[in-house]
Amino acid sequence: MKVGYKLFAEGYGPRDIVEQAVRAEQAGFDFVEVSDHFHPWLHSQGHSGFAWSMLAAIAERTERLRLVTGVTCPIIRVHPAIVAQAAATTALLSEGRFTLGVGTGERLNEHVVGRGWPNVTTRLEMLREAVVIIRMLWSGGYHSYEGKHLTLEDARVFDLPDEPPLIAVAASGEQSARLAAEFGDGLFGTEPDPEITGTYRDRGGEGPRYGEVPLAWASNDDAALESAREMFRFGLTGWKVQSELPNPVNFEAATAMIGPDDMKSSFGYGPDPDRHLEMIGQFVDAGYDHPVLTNAGPDPEGFFRFFEQELEEPIRAMELTPQT
């Protein structure tokens, strides 16, 4: 079992994100995951720094902490050739501590370059081609590629690590879980759904399985739930909405009626460790062996202390449910 911390780049500025990563290493986390977005989900979040700059800074400020993008979309806003180069450089700066998480992205971030927003089937086809291009470039030498959706012309990444980074593919259903097993080295998920991890394993997937666990620590329940609503109410809209709305103003409108009490069923919240451990346990029981603790509470330092004192030991004692 490896335990990670989600660096919520939409909720904090770049310097805060780097400091949180340093603190996460001190607290005993095995890895940090940082979102790779152009826009925040909500205006109230107010941030969205460039993930690759933050990763470079974190690599230099930490020693053992693994780094993961959660996740990068390599199909529209950023060409997979650029992602291949950025990931290779990050792997070198971190001395092999980097994992590239990839997914089909959201209109929220990808529409900004004016290339439209394809349907989900097309996006999955594009992601397959993107992973092929990335792996080609990591193999060394010059490469060209002519796919149905993506092309590469006479390109080479010159600075490559001895071992290429792992690629973990985000999945929200059967199709993407199959893609993760076929083309990826690992799986990303945001729901404690054993069907996703089961499909991944049934199709031959044997790599790490990252599951983002929604938590909100505060010294009292009301503060935790209000903070969860302020920072993460977009998560209650579901993936079909999250992938389609174009701007923070649309998410503000879509979530206007969500109140603090609506967050209760989806979060481990407040000061009671049992509530948090129950939520984490749902992901472990669903087959995720890399739970990523995502704190929507108002006090990151308080959460780090809470992890050190109340969560780390029982999490590491959890046993994965055998997957058939």
Protein backbone atom coordinates (compact mmCIF):
# COMPACT_ATOMS: atom_id res chain seq x y z
CA MET A 1 0.00 0.00 0.00
CA LYS A 2 1.34 3.41 -1.05
CA VAL A 3 -0.37 6.53 0.27
CA GLY A 4 -0.46 9.79 -1.67
CA TYR A 5 -1.52 13.39 -1.15
CA LYS A 6 -3.42 15.36 -3.80
CA LEU A 7 -1.91 18.77 -4.45
CA PHE A 8 -5.01 20.72 -5.38
CA ALA A 9 -3.53 23.28 -7.77
CA GLU A 10 -6.92 24.93 -8.36
CA GLY A 11 -7.20 25.84 -4.70
CA TYR A 12 -3.68 27.10 -3.90
CA GLY A 13 -1.00 29.16 -5.60
CA PRO A 14 2.17 27.60 -7.02
CA ARG A 15 4.40 28.41 -4.03
CA ASP A 16 1.84 26.96 -1.62
CA ILE A 17 1.65 23.81 -3.74
CA VAL A 18 5.42 23.31 -3.58
CA GLU A 19 5.47 23.88 0.19
CA GLN A 20 2.62 21.38 0.65
CA ALA A 21 4.61 18.80 -1.29
CA VAL A 22 7.63 19.32 0.96
CA ARG A 23 5.38 18.98 4.01
CA ALA A 24 3.78 15.84 2.57
CA GLU A 25 7.21 14.21 2.36
CA GLN A 26 7.91 15.18 5.97
CA ALA A 27 4.52 13.76 7.04
CA GLY A 28 5.34 10.36 5.54
CA PHE A 29 3.36 10.32 2.30
CA ASP A 30 4.82 8.12 -0.44
CA PHE A 31 3.85 10.35 -3.35
CA VAL A 32 2.04 13.52 -4.34
CA GLU A 33 -0.31 13.95 -7.25
CA VAL A 34 -0.84 17.35 -8.87
CA SER A 35 -3.66 18.32 -11.19
CA ASP A 36 -2.71 19.58 -14.66
CA HIS A 37 -5.37 22.15 -15.55
CA PHE A 38 -5.55 25.48 -17.36
CA HIS A 39 -8.64 26.74 -15.45
CA PRO A 40 -9.89 26.12 -11.92
CA TRP A 41 -13.25 24.40 -11.57
CA LEU A 42 -14.77 27.30 -9.63
CA HIS A 43 -14.01 31.01 -9.36
CA SER A 44 -13.89 30.58 -5.58
CA GLN A 45 -10.84 28.33 -5.99
CA GLY A 46 -8.95 31.06 -7.79
CA HIS A 47 -5.77 29.27 -8.92
CA SER A 48 -4.42 27.02 -11.64
CA GLY A 49 -0.63 27.13 -11.88
CA PHE A 50 1.38 25.35 -14.57
CA ALA A 51 1.83 21.80 -13.32
CA TRP A 52 5.22 21.17 -14.93
CA SER A 53 6.85 24.18 -13.31
CA MET A 54 5.56 23.09 -9.92
CA LEU A 55 6.77 19.53 -10.49
CA ALA A 56 10.26 20.77 -11.31
CA ALA A 57 10.38 22.80 -8.11
CA ILE A 58 9.05 19.89 -6.05
CA ALA A 59 11.64 17.55 -7.56
CA GLU A 60 14.41 19.86 -6.36
CA ARG A 61 12.91 20.36 -2.88
CA THR A 62 12.25 16.68 -2.07
CA GLU A 63 14.33 13.52 -1.86
CA ARG A 64 12.20 10.37 -1.79
CA LEU A 65 8.69 11.59 -2.63
CA ARG A 66 7.31 10.25 -5.90
CA LEU A 67 5.56 12.71 -8.23
CA VAL A 68 2.48 12.04 -10.34
CA THR A 69 0.32 14.11 -12.67
CA GLY A 70 -3.32 13.57 -11.90
CA VAL A 71 -3.93 13.80 -14.78
CA THR A 72 -2.42 15.30 -17.94
CA CYS A 73 -4.50 15.47 -21.12
CA PRO A 74 -2.11 14.94 -24.07
CA ILE A 75 -4.60 15.23 -26.93
CA ILE A 76 -5.67 18.86 -27.56
CA ARG A 77 -4.26 21.68 -25.42
CA VAL A 78 -0.81 20.06 -25.31
CA HIS A 79 0.52 17.79 -28.06
CA PRO A 80 1.80 14.40 -26.84
CA ALA A 81 5.29 15.24 -28.15
CA ILE A 82 5.48 18.13 -25.68
CA VAL A 83 4.12 15.92 -22.89
CA ALA A 84 6.76 13.29 -23.73
CA GLN A 85 9.48 15.92 -23.45
CA ALA A 86 8.09 17.43 -20.23
CA ALA A 87 7.68 14.03 -18.59
CA ALA A 88 11.18 12.90 -19.57
CA THR A 89 12.67 16.08 -18.13
CA THR A 90 10.67 15.72 -14.92
CA ALA A 91 11.83 12.12 -14.59
CA LEU A 92 15.44 13.30 -14.89
CA LEU A 93 15.02 16.15 -12.40
CA SER A 94 13.35 13.82 -9.89
CA GLU A 95 15.89 11.05 -10.51
CA GLY A 96 13.27 8.52 -11.53
CA ARG A 97 10.51 9.49 -9.09
CA PHE A 98 7.94 10.53 -11.69
CA THR A 99 4.79 8.82 -13.01
CA LEU A 100 2.82 10.32 -15.89
CA GLY A 101 -0.93 10.18 -15.33
CA VAL A 102 -2.94 10.74 -18.52
CA GLY A 103 -6.62 11.04 -19.37
CA THR A 104 -9.06 12.37 -21.94
CA GLY A 105 -9.41 15.68 -20.12
CA GLU A 106 -12.23 18.18 -19.74
CA ARG A 107 -13.65 20.84 -22.00
CA LEU A 108 -12.90 23.26 -19.12
CA ASN A 109 -9.18 23.16 -19.94
CA GLU A 110 -8.92 21.90 -23.50
CA HIS A 111 -11.24 24.31 -25.32
CA VAL A 112 -8.88 27.24 -24.71
CA VAL A 113 -6.82 26.53 -27.86
CA GLY A 114 -9.92 26.71 -30.08
CA ARG A 115 -9.81 23.20 -31.53
CA GLY A 116 -13.26 22.16 -30.36
CA TRP A 117 -14.26 19.36 -28.02
CA PRO A 118 -14.62 15.87 -29.54
CA ASN A 119 -17.07 13.24 -28.36
CA VAL A 120 -15.91 10.70 -25.81
CA THR A 121 -15.25 7.93 -28.36
CA THR A 122 -13.00 10.24 -30.36
CA ARG A 123 -11.21 11.40 -27.21
CA LEU A 124 -10.42 7.81 -26.26
CA GLU A 125 -9.08 7.15 -29.77
CA MET A 126 -6.92 10.27 -29.47
CA LEU A 127 -5.61 9.16 -26.08
CA ARG A 128 -4.54 5.80 -27.53
CA GLU A 129 -2.63 7.58 -30.28
CA ALA A 130 -1.09 10.01 -27.77
CA VAL A 131 0.27 7.21 -25.61
CA VAL A 132 1.73 5.52 -28.70
CA ILE A 133 3.49 8.78 -29.65
CA ILE A 134 4.82 9.33 -26.12
CA ARG A 135 6.25 5.82 -25.93
CA MET A 136 7.81 6.15 -29.39
CA LEU A 137 9.61 9.33 -28.36
CA TRP A 138 10.79 7.74 -25.12
CA SER A 139 12.38 4.92 -27.12
CA GLY A 140 15.04 7.27 -28.50
CA GLY A 141 15.80 8.51 -31.98
CA TYR A 142 13.68 10.39 -34.51
CA HIS A 143 10.08 9.39 -35.10
CA SER A 144 7.12 10.29 -37.28
CA TYR A 145 3.54 9.14 -36.85
CA GLU A 146 0.38 9.52 -38.91
CA GLY A 147 -2.71 8.56 -36.94
CA LYS A 148 -6.41 9.05 -37.43
CA HIS A 149 -6.34 12.12 -35.18
CA LEU A 150 -2.74 12.97 -34.28
CA THR A 151 0.49 13.36 -36.22
CA LEU A 152 4.17 13.59 -35.41
CA GLU A 153 6.82 14.77 -37.84
CA ASP A 154 10.50 13.93 -37.51
CA ALA A 155 10.71 14.48 -33.74
CA ARG A 156 13.17 13.37 -31.09
CA VAL A 157 13.39 13.89 -27.33
CA PHE A 158 17.09 14.30 -26.60
CA ASP A 159 17.12 14.15 -22.78
CA LEU A 160 15.74 10.79 -21.71
CA PRO A 161 15.93 8.95 -18.37
CA ASP A 162 17.47 5.48 -18.28
CA GLU A 163 14.03 4.06 -17.48
CA PRO A 164 10.93 5.74 -18.94
CA PRO A 165 8.25 6.89 -16.49
CA LEU A 166 5.24 4.71 -15.85
CA ILE A 167 2.05 5.86 -17.55
CA ALA A 168 -1.14 5.60 -15.49
CA VAL A 169 -4.39 6.04 -17.44
CA ALA A 170 -7.50 7.61 -15.91
CA ALA A 171 -10.67 5.51 -16.14
CA SER A 172 -14.29 6.34 -15.43
CA GLY A 173 -15.90 3.29 -17.03
CA GLU A 174 -15.32 0.03 -18.88
CA GLN A 175 -13.89 1.52 -22.09
CA SER A 176 -11.27 3.62 -20.38
CA ALA A 177 -10.41 0.83 -17.92
CA ARG A 178 -9.72 -1.47 -20.88
CA LEU A 179 -7.55 1.23 -22.44
CA ALA A 180 -5.61 1.59 -19.18
CA ALA A 181 -4.91 -2.15 -19.14
CA GLU A 182 -3.89 -2.29 -22.80
CA PHE A 183 -1.84 0.89 -23.14
CA GLY A 184 -0.95 1.98 -19.61
CA ASP A 185 1.23 0.86 -16.74
CA GLY A 186 -1.31 1.83 -14.10
CA LEU A 187 -4.85 3.05 -13.46
CA PHE A 188 -6.38 6.28 -12.13
CA GLY A 189 -9.88 6.46 -10.65
CA THR A 190 -12.03 8.89 -8.70
CA GLU A 191 -14.80 6.54 -7.55
CA PRO A 192 -14.65 3.48 -5.26
CA ASP A 193 -16.04 1.32 -8.04
CA PRO A 194 -14.71 -2.25 -8.09
CA GLU A 195 -15.97 -2.70 -11.66
CA ILE A 196 -13.34 -0.23 -12.90
CA THR A 197 -10.45 -1.91 -11.12
CA GLY A 198 -11.90 -5.32 -11.95
CA THR A 199 -12.06 -4.54 -15.67
CA TYR A 200 -8.51 -3.23 -15.52
CA ARG A 201 -7.23 -6.43 -13.92
CA ASP A 202 -9.39 -8.76 -16.04
CA ARG A 203 -7.85 -7.19 -19.13
CA GLY A 204 -4.35 -7.85 -17.87
CA GLY A 205 -3.60 -4.65 -15.96
CA GLU A 206 -1.06 -5.31 -13.23
CA GLY A 207 0.22 -1.83 -12.34
CA PRO A 208 -0.51 0.58 -9.51
CA ARG A 209 -4.12 1.65 -9.06
CA TYR A 210 -4.52 5.27 -7.91
CA GLY A 211 -7.82 6.24 -6.29
CA GLU A 212 -8.56 9.84 -5.28
CA VAL A 213 -10.25 9.79 -1.86
CA PRO A 214 -12.39 12.86 -0.99
CA LEU A 215 -11.71 14.06 2.56
CA ALA A 216 -12.22 17.33 4.42
CA TRP A 217 -10.49 17.74 7.78
CA ALA A 218 -11.36 20.56 10.17
CA SER A 219 -11.67 20.86 13.95
CA ASN A 220 -15.47 20.66 13.66
CA ASP A 221 -17.93 19.13 11.22
CA ASP A 222 -19.55 22.37 10.08
CA ALA A 223 -16.25 23.96 9.09
CA ALA A 224 -15.20 20.82 7.23
CA LEU A 225 -18.45 20.56 5.27
CA GLU A 226 -18.51 24.27 4.41
CA SER A 227 -14.94 24.05 3.13
CA ALA A 228 -15.76 20.90 1.14
CA ARG A 229 -18.67 22.73 -0.46
CA GLU A 230 -16.55 25.78 -1.22
CA MET A 231 -13.69 23.83 -2.80
CA PHE A 232 -15.11 20.57 -4.16
CA ARG A 233 -18.81 20.85 -4.85
CA PHE A 234 -18.04 20.49 -8.57
CA GLY A 235 -17.26 16.83 -7.83
CA LEU A 236 -20.91 16.09 -7.08
CA THR A 237 -21.94 16.89 -10.65
CA GLY A 238 -20.58 13.59 -11.98
CA TRP A 239 -18.07 12.94 -14.72
CA LYS A 240 -20.46 13.48 -17.63
CA VAL A 241 -20.99 17.05 -16.44
CA GLN A 242 -17.40 17.63 -15.32
CA SER A 243 -16.02 16.72 -18.73
CA GLU A 244 -18.42 18.91 -20.71
CA LEU A 245 -18.83 22.35 -19.07
CA PRO A 246 -16.50 24.98 -20.59
CA ASN A 247 -15.77 27.50 -17.84
CA PRO A 248 -15.79 28.09 -14.07
CA VAL A 249 -18.91 30.26 -14.41
CA ASN A 250 -20.78 27.21 -15.74
CA PHE A 251 -19.68 25.11 -12.78
CA GLU A 252 -20.72 27.91 -10.42
CA ALA A 253 -24.21 27.81 -11.97
CA ALA A 254 -24.42 24.01 -12.02
CA THR A 255 -23.51 23.76 -8.32
CA ALA A 256 -25.40 26.79 -6.97
CA MET A 257 -27.96 24.64 -5.14
CA ILE A 258 -25.43 22.31 -3.50
CA GLY A 259 -25.14 22.97 0.24
CA PRO A 260 -22.75 21.78 2.95
CA ASP A 261 -25.07 18.93 3.97
CA ASP A 262 -24.98 17.58 0.42
CA MET A 263 -21.27 16.87 0.88
CA LYS A 264 -21.79 14.42 3.74
CA SER A 265 -22.36 11.28 1.69
CA SER A 266 -19.33 11.85 -0.55
CA PHE A 267 -16.64 12.90 1.94
CA GLY A 268 -14.85 11.76 5.01
CA TYR A 269 -15.16 14.96 7.02
CA GLY A 270 -14.57 16.64 10.34
CA PRO A 271 -12.21 15.67 13.19
CA ASP A 272 -13.35 12.05 13.58
CA PRO A 273 -10.68 9.75 12.07
CA ASP A 274 -13.16 6.89 11.72
CA ARG A 275 -15.14 8.85 9.13
CA HIS A 276 -12.00 9.44 7.07
CA LEU A 277 -10.82 5.86 7.42
CA GLU A 278 -14.22 4.58 6.32
CA MET A 279 -14.01 6.60 3.10
CA ILE A 280 -10.41 5.50 2.47
CA GLY A 281 -11.47 1.90 3.15
CA GLN A 282 -14.10 2.10 0.41
CA PHE A 283 -11.37 2.78 -2.14
CA VAL A 284 -9.07 0.09 -0.75
CA ASP A 285 -11.96 -2.41 -0.79
CA ALA A 286 -12.63 -1.43 -4.41
CA GLY A 287 -9.10 -2.50 -5.33
CA TYR A 288 -7.06 0.72 -5.22
CA ASP A 289 -3.61 0.09 -3.77
CA HIS A 290 -2.50 3.76 -4.07
CA PRO A 291 -5.12 5.82 -2.21
CA VAL A 292 -4.63 9.55 -2.85
CA LEU A 293 -5.90 11.63 0.07
CA THR A 294 -7.62 14.74 -1.28
CA ASN A 295 -8.16 17.29 1.49
CA ALA A 296 -10.96 19.78 0.88
CA GLY A 297 -10.65 21.15 4.41
CA PRO A 298 -9.58 24.72 5.21
CA ASP A 299 -6.27 23.93 6.93
CA PRO A 300 -3.62 21.89 5.05
CA GLU A 301 -1.19 21.90 7.99
CA GLY A 302 -3.92 20.64 10.30
CA PHE A 303 -4.60 17.83 7.84
CA PHE A 304 -0.93 16.86 7.72
CA ARG A 305 -0.85 16.57 11.52
CA PHE A 306 -4.11 14.62 11.42
CA PHE A 307 -2.55 12.21 8.93
CA GLU A 308 0.58 11.77 11.05
CA GLN A 309 -1.31 11.20 14.29
CA GLU A 310 -4.53 9.47 13.26
CA LEU A 311 -4.51 8.13 9.70
CA GLU A 312 -1.17 6.83 8.53
CA GLU A 313 -0.84 3.76 10.74
CA PRO A 314 -4.40 2.42 10.23
CA ILE A 315 -4.24 3.10 6.48
CA ARG A 316 -1.04 1.10 6.11
CA ALA A 317 -2.65 -1.71 8.11
CA MET A 318 -5.52 -1.97 5.61
CA GLU A 319 -5.57 -5.04 3.43
CA LEU A 320 -6.61 -5.08 -0.18
CA THR A 321 -9.71 -7.09 -0.94
CA PRO A 322 -8.74 -9.97 -3.26
CA GLN A 323 -9.95 -9.16 -6.78
CA THR A 324 -11.43 -11.98 -8.81
